[in-house]
């Protein structure tokens, strides 16, 4: 059972990556409670979307001022609003099996922080985790699923289309809409999807193809959605991405970069949105990740680390507890998990109002230049990471610490020169 990383470093691990506001100076469940910035509370299944919760906050004179209010108060009010809005709508369960809680993983604070940022902003650009066997790579990737809020989808959609974003609906969905007796669009609530891409996946299975059997029965061309359609608005997980067929990996990243999948097959042309959070893992002992793939993934971190004696004991205890009683282990981490889930819910809304100044963008570009980083993707990814970090702390403006952490997570792993050192001294350029 994987519970923590232990071995030598394959990819440079960013320096001083422990951010007090994020990890709270601890690991495991305690660190998650501190990172959430709120008193742990039970988050009930909302009767509407989070947008409804925020509207309720505004009705309580908190909406326009929420960024100036203590995050603890915001979280408490948001949870109360969610309870009040609960109309007992059932949430469709995914077929995702019970997994080791992310809050119970010992150490790996860099990676857990990056995963939280990905949960806040799925458009971040993806997260790749390298590490040898037994370093909790897949556990952390799967554990993030428990922190994602349920999503509301249009009834009849093939790709989890958002009812409040009709401009992104797949082709043909508008002809299949259903409305209730009050004229309201019929929607469903479901858990965010978690879709794994197998190593031997074909292009047709990935992007979708014509369903021959259904087409023959119905006398018309019927589209069979692929994995990319299933993963929209959830997590797309690729294990051992370094072993994935090159043409498939290139196609996958191209679709994710464009945010939509266009399928052209004999008798059918269809477009559907595809904006999942990409999480990829790989073992460098089995082959390094190709350079052009590394460039197209926002955050690449190593899970290889050597734990101290006390942390190793904790890791073994957590793994044994889960093996003996998975249900009890999940329940023990429930408070920390729900506290982090609450913060993800709120940070997604805060993200819409976060601003970054021209000077701050210039700083990130200067750091990328200092590290001789090729291309401009690192600069763009670093801007998104900095804004997500601000949202995680409940702020409307990016600060110097956000910039430093963005450099550690995004720019340093891409550097062609040694930047595994602290940012410039006081007499050099400092984050604005």
Foldseek 3Di string as FASTA:
>chain_A
DFFAFADDDDFDAFPPLDDCCQQVPFAALVSLLSRLQEQFDDADAAPDALVQLLVVCVVVVCNVPVLVDRVHVVLVSSSVSRVVRHPPADAAEDPDDQAQALSLRGDPSLVLSVLLLCLLPLLLQAEEEEGAPRHCQVRNQSNSLLLHHKAKAAPPAQFRHHPVCVVQGKPPVVVVWDADPVRHTDIHIYRQDEAEDDQPDDPCQAAWDWDVVVCVVVVATDIDGHRQSHNAPHEYEYEAPQSHDPVNLVVVLVLQVVQKGWDDDVRDTMIHGGRHRYYYYHYCVVPDHDPVSLLRGFFYRYSHDRDDPVSVVSSVVLVVVCVVPVVVSCVVSVSSSSSSSSLSSQLSVLLVQADEDPQQLVVLVVLLVVLVFPDCSLSVSLVSQQSSVCSSSSHNYGDQVSNQSSCSGGRCSRGPDDPSDHPDDPVDDGRD
